[in-house]
PDB file of N, CA and C in Angstrom:
ATOM      1  N   MET A   1      26.305  78.170  63.340  1.00  0.00           N
ATOM      2  CA  MET A   1      25.956  77.121  62.402  1.00  0.00           C
ATOM      3  C   MET A   1      26.859  75.923  62.649  1.00  0.00           C
ATOM      4  N   TYR A   2      26.263  74.761  62.570  1.00  0.00           N
ATOM      5  CA  TYR A   2      27.019  73.530  62.762  1.00  0.00           C
ATOM      6  C   TYR A   2      27.839  73.207  61.518  1.00  0.00           C
ATOM      7  N   ARG A   3      28.970  72.605  61.746  1.00  0.00           N
ATOM      8  CA  ARG A   3      29.767  72.137  60.614  1.00  0.00           C
ATOM      9  C   ARG A   3      29.132  70.859  60.084  1.00  0.00           C
ATOM     10  N   LEU A   4      28.875  70.862  58.809  1.00  0.00           N
ATOM     11  CA  LEU A   4      28.284  69.683  58.184  1.00  0.00           C
ATOM     12  C   LEU A   4      29.349  68.941  57.405  1.00  0.00           C
ATOM     13  N   THR A   5      29.263  67.649  57.471  1.00  0.00           N
ATOM     14  CA  THR A   5      30.187  66.805  56.738  1.00  0.00           C
ATOM     15  C   THR A   5      29.419  66.113  55.624  1.00  0.00           C
ATOM     16  N   LYS A   6      29.931  66.261  54.422  1.00  0.00           N
ATOM     17  CA  LYS A   6      29.304  65.615  53.285  1.00  0.00           C
ATOM     18  C   LYS A   6      29.529  64.115  53.403  1.00  0.00           C
ATOM     19  N   ILE A   7      28.454  63.358  53.360  1.00  0.00           N
ATOM     20  CA  ILE A   7      28.584  61.913  53.503  1.00  0.00           C
ATOM     21  C   ILE A   7      28.204  61.156  52.228  1.00  0.00           C
ATOM     22  N   SER A   8      27.519  61.833  51.323  1.00  0.00           N
ATOM     23  CA  SER A   8      27.111  61.159  50.109  1.00  0.00           C
ATOM     24  C   SER A   8      26.564  62.174  49.109  1.00  0.00           C
ATOM     25  N   LYS A   9      26.186  61.677  47.960  1.00  0.00           N
ATOM     26  CA  LYS A   9      25.596  62.521  46.944  1.00  0.00           C
ATOM     27  C   LYS A   9      24.352  61.804  46.414  1.00  0.00           C
ATOM     28  N   ILE A  10      23.292  62.539  46.266  1.00  0.00           N
ATOM     29  CA  ILE A  10      22.051  61.962  45.754  1.00  0.00           C
ATOM     30  C   ILE A  10      22.062  62.067  44.235  1.00  0.00           C
ATOM     31  N   ALA A  11      21.746  60.979  43.589  1.00  0.00           N
ATOM     32  CA  ALA A  11      21.632  60.971  42.132  1.00  0.00           C
ATOM     33  C   ALA A  11      20.148  61.130  41.787  1.00  0.00           C
ATOM     34  N   PRO A  12      19.749  62.312  41.368  1.00  0.00           N
ATOM     35  CA  PRO A  12      18.332  62.527  41.079  1.00  0.00           C
ATOM     36  C   PRO A  12      17.868  61.721  39.866  1.00  0.00           C
ATOM     37  N   LYS A  13      16.583  61.385  39.864  1.00  0.00           N
ATOM     38  CA  LYS A  13      15.968  60.689  38.740  1.00  0.00           C
ATOM     39  C   LYS A  13      14.844  61.557  38.203  1.00  0.00           C
ATOM     40  N   ALA A  14      14.677  61.521  36.907  1.00  0.00           N
ATOM     41  CA  ALA A  14      13.587  62.259  36.272  1.00  0.00           C
ATOM     42  C   ALA A  14      12.264  61.543  36.548  1.00  0.00           C
ATOM     43  N   SER A  15      11.200  62.284  36.504  1.00  0.00           N
ATOM     44  CA  SER A  15       9.875  61.718  36.747  1.00  0.00           C
ATOM     45  C   SER A  15       9.568  60.563  35.798  1.00  0.00           C
ATOM     46  N   LYS A  16       9.985  60.673  34.550  1.00  0.00           N
ATOM     47  CA  LYS A  16       9.747  59.608  33.568  1.00  0.00           C
ATOM     48  C   LYS A  16      10.460  58.314  33.934  1.00  0.00           C
ATOM     49  N   ASP A  17      11.559  58.416  34.678  1.00  0.00           N
ATOM     50  CA  ASP A  17      12.367  57.246  35.024  1.00  0.00           C
ATOM     51  C   ASP A  17      11.892  56.533  36.279  1.00  0.00           C
ATOM     52  N   ILE A  18      10.865  57.040  36.910  1.00  0.00           N
ATOM     53  CA  ILE A  18      10.343  56.455  38.148  1.00  0.00           C
ATOM     54  C   ILE A  18       8.978  55.842  37.838  1.00  0.00           C
ATOM     55  N   LYS A  19       8.806  54.570  38.206  1.00  0.00           N
ATOM     56  CA  LYS A  19       7.536  53.898  37.908  1.00  0.00           C
ATOM     57  C   LYS A  19       6.446  54.273  38.895  1.00  0.00           C
ATOM     58  N   LYS A  20       6.750  54.237  40.182  1.00  0.00           N
ATOM     59  CA  LYS A  20       5.764  54.526  41.226  1.00  0.00           C
ATOM     60  C   LYS A  20       6.405  55.385  42.298  1.00  0.00           C
ATOM     61  N   SER A  21       5.602  56.259  42.856  1.00  0.00           N
ATOM     62  CA  SER A  21       6.070  57.094  43.960  1.00  0.00           C
ATOM     63  C   SER A  21       4.866  57.752  44.624  1.00  0.00           C
ATOM     64  N   ILE A  22       5.005  58.030  45.887  1.00  0.00           N
ATOM     65  CA  ILE A  22       3.955  58.764  46.587  1.00  0.00           C
ATOM     66  C   ILE A  22       4.251  60.265  46.598  1.00  0.00           C
ATOM     67  N   ILE A  23       5.349  60.667  45.989  1.00  0.00           N
ATOM     68  CA  ILE A  23       5.769  62.060  46.004  1.00  0.00           C
ATOM     69  C   ILE A  23       5.068  62.849  44.905  1.00  0.00           C
ATOM     70  N   GLY A  24       4.482  63.959  45.298  1.00  0.00           N
ATOM     71  CA  GLY A  24       3.796  64.822  44.345  1.00  0.00           C
ATOM     72  C   GLY A  24       4.026  66.276  44.683  1.00  0.00           C
ATOM     73  N   LEU A  25       3.372  67.145  43.944  1.00  0.00           N
ATOM     74  CA  LEU A  25       3.485  68.579  44.218  1.00  0.00           C
ATOM     75  C   LEU A  25       2.180  69.280  43.889  1.00  0.00           C
ATOM     76  N   GLY A  26       2.059  70.483  44.393  1.00  0.00           N
ATOM     77  CA  GLY A  26       0.911  71.328  44.095  1.00  0.00           C
ATOM     78  C   GLY A  26       1.272  72.271  42.966  1.00  0.00           C
ATOM     79  N   PHE A  27       0.613  72.131  41.846  1.00  0.00           N
ATOM     80  CA  PHE A  27       0.809  72.997  40.685  1.00  0.00           C
ATOM     81  C   PHE A  27      -0.432  73.879  40.644  1.00  0.00           C
ATOM     82  N   GLU A  28      -0.398  74.948  41.400  1.00  0.00           N
ATOM     83  CA  GLU A  28      -1.624  75.655  41.752  1.00  0.00           C
ATOM     84  C   GLU A  28      -1.710  77.077  41.212  1.00  0.00           C
ATOM     85  N   LYS A  29      -2.876  77.657  41.415  1.00  0.00           N
ATOM     86  CA  LYS A  29      -3.198  79.026  40.993  1.00  0.00           C
ATOM     87  C   LYS A  29      -3.084  79.196  39.483  1.00  0.00           C
ATOM     88  N   LEU A  30      -3.385  78.136  38.755  1.00  0.00           N
ATOM     89  CA  LEU A  30      -3.259  78.158  37.301  1.00  0.00           C
ATOM     90  C   LEU A  30      -4.234  79.130  36.646  1.00  0.00           C
ATOM     91  N   ASP A  31      -5.349  79.351  37.276  1.00  0.00           N
ATOM     92  CA  ASP A  31      -6.369  80.230  36.696  1.00  0.00           C
ATOM     93  C   ASP A  31      -6.051  81.711  36.867  1.00  0.00           C
ATOM     94  N   ARG A  32      -5.083  82.036  37.682  1.00  0.00           N
ATOM     95  CA  ARG A  32      -4.825  83.439  38.028  1.00  0.00           C
ATOM     96  C   ARG A  32      -3.656  84.065  37.282  1.00  0.00           C
ATOM     97  N   ASP A  33      -3.004  83.284  36.433  1.00  0.00           N
ATOM     98  CA  ASP A  33      -1.865  83.789  35.656  1.00  0.00           C
ATOM     99  C   ASP A  33      -0.779  84.419  36.522  1.00  0.00           C
ATOM    100  N   VAL A  34      -0.486  83.797  37.680  1.00  0.00           N
ATOM    101  CA  VAL A  34       0.571  84.320  38.547  1.00  0.00           C
ATOM    102  C   VAL A  34       1.950  83.779  38.167  1.00  0.00           C
ATOM    103  N   PHE A  35       1.978  82.738  37.319  1.00  0.00           N
ATOM    104  CA  PHE A  35       3.243  82.224  36.809  1.00  0.00           C
ATOM    105  C   PHE A  35       2.984  81.564  35.457  1.00  0.00           C
ATOM    106  N   ASP A  36       4.033  81.395  34.693  1.00  0.00           N
ATOM    107  CA  ASP A  36       3.951  80.768  33.384  1.00  0.00           C
ATOM    108  C   ASP A  36       4.327  79.298  33.537  1.00  0.00           C
ATOM    109  N   PRO A  37       3.368  78.383  33.390  1.00  0.00           N
ATOM    110  CA  PRO A  37       3.676  76.954  33.570  1.00  0.00           C
ATOM    111  C   PRO A  37       4.796  76.466  32.653  1.00  0.00           C
ATOM    112  N   GLU A  38       4.918  77.037  31.468  1.00  0.00           N
ATOM    113  CA  GLU A  38       5.965  76.629  30.528  1.00  0.00           C
ATOM    114  C   GLU A  38       7.359  76.708  31.154  1.00  0.00           C
ATOM    115  N   LYS A  39       7.562  77.678  32.020  1.00  0.00           N
ATOM    116  CA  LYS A  39       8.867  77.859  32.655  1.00  0.00           C
ATOM    117  C   LYS A  39       9.126  76.831  33.763  1.00  0.00           C
ATOM    118  N   SER A  40       8.107  76.060  34.124  1.00  0.00           N
ATOM    119  CA  SER A  40       8.216  75.123  35.245  1.00  0.00           C
ATOM    120  C   SER A  40       8.444  73.681  34.832  1.00  0.00           C
ATOM    121  N   TYR A  41       8.045  73.322  33.623  1.00  0.00           N
ATOM    122  CA  TYR A  41       8.034  71.911  33.236  1.00  0.00           C
ATOM    123  C   TYR A  41       9.393  71.233  33.330  1.00  0.00           C
ATOM    124  N   ASP A  42      10.466  71.889  32.932  1.00  0.00           N
ATOM    125  CA  ASP A  42      11.797  71.270  33.017  1.00  0.00           C
ATOM    126  C   ASP A  42      12.161  70.945  34.461  1.00  0.00           C
ATOM    127  N   PHE A  43      11.852  71.855  35.372  1.00  0.00           N
ATOM    128  CA  PHE A  43      12.157  71.637  36.789  1.00  0.00           C
ATOM    129  C   PHE A  43      11.305  70.500  37.351  1.00  0.00           C
ATOM    130  N   VAL A  44      10.038  70.495  37.000  1.00  0.00           N
ATOM    131  CA  VAL A  44       9.143  69.430  37.475  1.00  0.00           C
ATOM    132  C   VAL A  44       9.610  68.084  36.931  1.00  0.00           C
ATOM    133  N   ALA A  45       9.951  68.026  35.656  1.00  0.00           N
ATOM    134  CA  ALA A  45      10.386  66.777  35.023  1.00  0.00           C
ATOM    135  C   ALA A  45      11.626  66.205  35.692  1.00  0.00           C
ATOM    136  N   LYS A  46      12.527  67.049  36.126  1.00  0.00           N
ATOM    137  CA  LYS A  46      13.774  66.610  36.764  1.00  0.00           C
ATOM    138  C   LYS A  46      13.614  66.315  38.253  1.00  0.00           C
ATOM    139  N   SER A  47      12.479  66.683  38.821  1.00  0.00           N
ATOM    140  CA  SER A  47      12.288  66.572  40.268  1.00  0.00           C
ATOM    141  C   SER A  47      12.021  65.157  40.749  1.00  0.00           C
ATOM    142  N   GLY A  48      11.511  64.301  39.860  1.00  0.00           N
ATOM    143  CA  GLY A  48      11.185  62.938  40.267  1.00  0.00           C
ATOM    144  C   GLY A  48       9.795  62.773  40.833  1.00  0.00           C
ATOM    145  N   VAL A  49       9.006  63.828  40.882  1.00  0.00           N
ATOM    146  CA  VAL A  49       7.639  63.685  41.376  1.00  0.00           C
ATOM    147  C   VAL A  49       6.801  62.929  40.356  1.00  0.00           C
ATOM    148  N   LYS A  50       5.798  62.212  40.817  1.00  0.00           N
ATOM    149  CA  LYS A  50       4.936  61.435  39.925  1.00  0.00           C
ATOM    150  C   LYS A  50       3.506  61.973  39.868  1.00  0.00           C
ATOM    151  N   TRP A  51       3.158  62.883  40.740  1.00  0.00           N
ATOM    152  CA  TRP A  51       1.792  63.410  40.816  1.00  0.00           C
ATOM    153  C   TRP A  51       1.841  64.925  40.905  1.00  0.00           C
ATOM    154  N   ALA A  52       0.853  65.579  40.305  1.00  0.00           N
ATOM    155  CA  ALA A  52       0.730  67.032  40.448  1.00  0.00           C
ATOM    156  C   ALA A  52      -0.745  67.382  40.576  1.00  0.00           C
ATOM    157  N   ARG A  53      -1.067  68.108  41.609  1.00  0.00           N
ATOM    158  CA  ARG A  53      -2.444  68.600  41.798  1.00  0.00           C
ATOM    159  C   ARG A  53      -2.565  69.891  41.001  1.00  0.00           C
ATOM    160  N   LEU A  54      -3.338  69.855  39.931  1.00  0.00           N
ATOM    161  CA  LEU A  54      -3.552  71.030  39.101  1.00  0.00           C
ATOM    162  C   LEU A  54      -4.769  71.766  39.641  1.00  0.00           C
ATOM    163  N   GLN A  55      -4.512  72.781  40.410  1.00  0.00           N
ATOM    164  CA  GLN A  55      -5.585  73.556  41.016  1.00  0.00           C
ATOM    165  C   GLN A  55      -5.954  74.673  40.047  1.00  0.00           C
ATOM    166  N   SER A  56      -7.096  74.510  39.435  1.00  0.00           N
ATOM    167  CA  SER A  56      -7.503  75.449  38.392  1.00  0.00           C
ATOM    168  C   SER A  56      -8.866  76.036  38.718  1.00  0.00           C
ATOM    169  N   GLY A  57      -9.204  77.091  38.056  1.00  0.00           N
ATOM    170  CA  GLY A  57     -10.420  77.806  38.392  1.00  0.00           C
ATOM    171  C   GLY A  57     -11.539  77.647  37.386  1.00  0.00           C
ATOM    172  N   TRP A  58     -12.730  77.460  37.926  1.00  0.00           N
ATOM    173  CA  TRP A  58     -13.913  77.333  37.095  1.00  0.00           C
ATOM    174  C   TRP A  58     -14.172  78.620  36.308  1.00  0.00           C
ATOM    175  N   GLN A  59     -13.878  79.742  36.894  1.00  0.00           N
ATOM    176  CA  GLN A  59     -14.141  81.029  36.241  1.00  0.00           C
ATOM    177  C   GLN A  59     -13.357  81.182  34.933  1.00  0.00           C
ATOM    178  N   ARG A  60     -12.159  80.644  34.878  1.00  0.00           N
ATOM    179  CA  ARG A  60     -11.358  80.733  33.648  1.00  0.00           C
ATOM    180  C   ARG A  60     -11.866  79.754  32.586  1.00  0.00           C
ATOM    181  N   THR A  61     -12.527  78.693  33.020  1.00  0.00           N
ATOM    182  CA  THR A  61     -13.032  77.674  32.111  1.00  0.00           C
ATOM    183  C   THR A  61     -14.390  78.061  31.513  1.00  0.00           C
ATOM    184  N   GLU A  62     -15.216  78.717  32.312  1.00  0.00           N
ATOM    185  CA  GLU A  62     -16.547  79.137  31.851  1.00  0.00           C
ATOM    186  C   GLU A  62     -16.654  80.656  31.963  1.00  0.00           C
ATOM    187  N   LYS A  63     -16.202  81.347  30.930  1.00  0.00           N
ATOM    188  CA  LYS A  63     -16.254  82.814  30.922  1.00  0.00           C
ATOM    189  C   LYS A  63     -17.605  83.316  30.451  1.00  0.00           C
ATOM    190  N   GLU A  64     -18.285  82.490  29.675  1.00  0.00           N
ATOM    191  CA  GLU A  64     -19.631  82.800  29.194  1.00  0.00           C
ATOM    192  C   GLU A  64     -20.530  81.669  29.664  1.00  0.00           C
ATOM    193  N   LYS A  65     -21.673  82.024  30.237  1.00  0.00           N
ATOM    194  CA  LYS A  65     -22.547  81.018  30.837  1.00  0.00           C
ATOM    195  C   LYS A  65     -22.858  79.883  29.851  1.00  0.00           C
ATOM    196  N   GLY A  66     -22.542  78.664  30.269  1.00  0.00           N
ATOM    197  CA  GLY A  66     -22.819  77.482  29.478  1.00  0.00           C
ATOM    198  C   GLY A  66     -21.792  77.169  28.400  1.00  0.00           C
ATOM    199  N   VAL A  67     -20.754  77.982  28.281  1.00  0.00           N
ATOM    200  CA  VAL A  67     -19.698  77.749  27.286  1.00  0.00           C
ATOM    201  C   VAL A  67     -18.416  77.398  28.038  1.00  0.00           C
ATOM    202  N   TYR A  68     -17.929  76.184  27.827  1.00  0.00           N
ATOM    203  CA  TYR A  68     -16.785  75.678  28.582  1.00  0.00           C
ATOM    204  C   TYR A  68     -15.562  75.560  27.673  1.00  0.00           C
ATOM    205  N   ASP A  69     -14.466  76.138  28.092  1.00  0.00           N
ATOM    206  CA  ASP A  69     -13.229  76.105  27.323  1.00  0.00           C
ATOM    207  C   ASP A  69     -12.124  75.511  28.194  1.00  0.00           C
ATOM    208  N   PHE A  70     -11.812  74.255  27.930  1.00  0.00           N
ATOM    209  CA  PHE A  70     -10.787  73.547  28.685  1.00  0.00           C
ATOM    210  C   PHE A  70      -9.434  73.552  27.978  1.00  0.00           C
ATOM    211  N   GLU A  71      -9.322  74.233  26.854  1.00  0.00           N
ATOM    212  CA  GLU A  71      -8.085  74.200  26.069  1.00  0.00           C
ATOM    213  C   GLU A  71      -6.868  74.611  26.901  1.00  0.00           C
ATOM    214  N   TRP A  72      -6.986  75.671  27.675  1.00  0.00           N
ATOM    215  CA  TRP A  72      -5.863  76.153  28.490  1.00  0.00           C
ATOM    216  C   TRP A  72      -5.409  75.085  29.479  1.00  0.00           C
ATOM    217  N   LEU A  73      -6.352  74.313  30.001  1.00  0.00           N
ATOM    218  CA  LEU A  73      -6.039  73.273  30.967  1.00  0.00           C
ATOM    219  C   LEU A  73      -5.542  72.007  30.264  1.00  0.00           C
ATOM    220  N   ASP A  74      -6.095  71.711  29.093  1.00  0.00           N
ATOM    221  CA  ASP A  74      -5.639  70.557  28.310  1.00  0.00           C
ATOM    222  C   ASP A  74      -4.149  70.655  27.990  1.00  0.00           C
ATOM    223  N   ILE A  75      -3.693  71.839  27.679  1.00  0.00           N
ATOM    224  CA  ILE A  75      -2.271  72.050  27.365  1.00  0.00           C
ATOM    225  C   ILE A  75      -1.400  71.660  28.557  1.00  0.00           C
ATOM    226  N   ILE A  76      -1.812  72.067  29.739  1.00  0.00           N
ATOM    227  CA  ILE A  76      -1.052  71.762  30.963  1.00  0.00           C
ATOM    228  C   ILE A  76      -1.106  70.275  31.270  1.00  0.00           C
ATOM    229  N   VAL A  77      -2.279  69.661  31.161  1.00  0.00           N
ATOM    230  CA  VAL A  77      -2.428  68.223  31.413  1.00  0.00           C
ATOM    231  C   VAL A  77      -1.552  67.430  30.447  1.00  0.00           C
ATOM    232  N   ASP A  78      -1.615  67.759  29.161  1.00  0.00           N
ATOM    233  CA  ASP A  78      -0.815  67.046  28.161  1.00  0.00           C
ATOM    234  C   ASP A  78       0.678  67.153  28.445  1.00  0.00           C
ATOM    235  N   LYS A  79       1.128  68.315  28.855  1.00  0.00           N
ATOM    236  CA  LYS A  79       2.550  68.509  29.149  1.00  0.00           C
ATOM    237  C   LYS A  79       2.971  67.699  30.373  1.00  0.00           C
ATOM    238  N   MET A  80       2.128  67.679  31.393  1.00  0.00           N
ATOM    239  CA  MET A  80       2.441  66.884  32.585  1.00  0.00           C
ATOM    240  C   MET A  80       2.579  65.410  32.227  1.00  0.00           C
ATOM    241  N   LEU A  81       1.655  64.904  31.441  1.00  0.00           N
ATOM    242  CA  LEU A  81       1.726  63.500  31.019  1.00  0.00           C
ATOM    243  C   LEU A  81       2.989  63.235  30.204  1.00  0.00           C
ATOM    244  N   GLU A  82       3.347  64.176  29.366  1.00  0.00           N
ATOM    245  CA  GLU A  82       4.545  64.050  28.533  1.00  0.00           C
ATOM    246  C   GLU A  82       5.825  63.934  29.357  1.00  0.00           C
ATOM    247  N   ILE A  83       5.887  64.630  30.480  1.00  0.00           N
ATOM    248  CA  ILE A  83       7.095  64.597  31.316  1.00  0.00           C
ATOM    249  C   ILE A  83       7.043  63.506  32.391  1.00  0.00           C
ATOM    250  N   GLY A  84       5.970  62.685  32.375  1.00  0.00           N
ATOM    251  CA  GLY A  84       5.888  61.561  33.298  1.00  0.00           C
ATOM    252  C   GLY A  84       5.225  61.863  34.617  1.00  0.00           C
ATOM    253  N   VAL A  85       4.422  62.913  34.665  1.00  0.00           N
ATOM    254  CA  VAL A  85       3.738  63.308  35.899  1.00  0.00           C
ATOM    255  C   VAL A  85       2.236  63.141  35.701  1.00  0.00           C
ATOM    256  N   GLU A  86       1.600  62.413  36.619  1.00  0.00           N
ATOM    257  CA  GLU A  86       0.155  62.177  36.557  1.00  0.00           C
ATOM    258  C   GLU A  86      -0.590  63.365  37.161  1.00  0.00           C
ATOM    259  N   PRO A  87      -1.430  64.040  36.371  1.00  0.00           N
ATOM    260  CA  PRO A  87      -2.165  65.197  36.905  1.00  0.00           C
ATOM    261  C   PRO A  87      -3.415  64.783  37.677  1.00  0.00           C
ATOM    262  N   TRP A  88      -3.666  65.485  38.770  1.00  0.00           N
ATOM    263  CA  TRP A  88      -4.925  65.394  39.511  1.00  0.00           C
ATOM    264  C   TRP A  88      -5.579  66.751  39.364  1.00  0.00           C
ATOM    265  N   LEU A  89      -6.797  66.778  38.898  1.00  0.00           N
ATOM    266  CA  LEU A  89      -7.462  68.051  38.633  1.00  0.00           C
ATOM    267  C   LEU A  89      -8.375  68.470  39.775  1.00  0.00           C
ATOM    268  N   CYS A  90      -8.336  69.739  40.045  1.00  0.00           N
ATOM    269  CA  CYS A  90      -9.239  70.352  41.007  1.00  0.00           C
ATOM    270  C   CYS A  90      -9.796  71.609  40.330  1.00  0.00           C
ATOM    271  N   LEU A  91     -11.005  71.491  39.816  1.00  0.00           N
ATOM    272  CA  LEU A  91     -11.663  72.631  39.185  1.00  0.00           C
ATOM    273  C   LEU A  91     -12.498  73.290  40.269  1.00  0.00           C
ATOM    274  N   CYS A  92     -12.076  74.452  40.730  1.00  0.00           N
ATOM    275  CA  CYS A  92     -12.658  74.982  41.961  1.00  0.00           C
ATOM    276  C   CYS A  92     -12.829  76.498  41.946  1.00  0.00           C
ATOM    277  N   TYR A  93     -13.151  77.032  43.070  1.00  0.00           N
ATOM    278  CA  TYR A  93     -13.292  78.456  43.370  1.00  0.00           C
ATOM    279  C   TYR A  93     -14.591  79.085  42.892  1.00  0.00           C
ATOM    280  N   GLY A  94     -15.477  78.309  42.318  1.00  0.00           N
ATOM    281  CA  GLY A  94     -16.751  78.875  41.913  1.00  0.00           C
ATOM    282  C   GLY A  94     -16.642  79.764  40.704  1.00  0.00           C
ATOM    283  N   ASN A  95     -17.748  80.418  40.391  1.00  0.00           N
ATOM    284  CA  ASN A  95     -17.810  81.250  39.205  1.00  0.00           C
ATOM    285  C   ASN A  95     -18.835  82.353  39.462  1.00  0.00           C
ATOM    286  N   SER A  96     -18.483  83.555  39.131  1.00  0.00           N
ATOM    287  CA  SER A  96     -19.387  84.692  39.367  1.00  0.00           C
ATOM    288  C   SER A  96     -20.610  84.679  38.458  1.00  0.00           C
ATOM    289  N   LEU A  97     -20.583  83.824  37.423  1.00  0.00           N
ATOM    290  CA  LEU A  97     -21.756  83.702  36.547  1.00  0.00           C
ATOM    291  C   LEU A  97     -22.922  83.121  37.299  1.00  0.00           C
TER     292      LEU A  97
END
């Protein structure tokens, strides 16, 4: 391993403190319950990202044919906006209905 010399320190900015940025992240697999989004918001807010691709599933939104429930996704969208991150939605993966 090479010896590294510290040359500076980065002062991170919260997402709310940044007006514009091309930096974003993938906030994905929301429909599969593989992680709890609540545990992620503090980290995302401190990261400085301004965009998040919310990859969500149609099957979780329409469990009964013709009945659409976006409440679970609305909660995530509202939280992203609250922490200064603009959500991009991708409602995908089809539906077995």
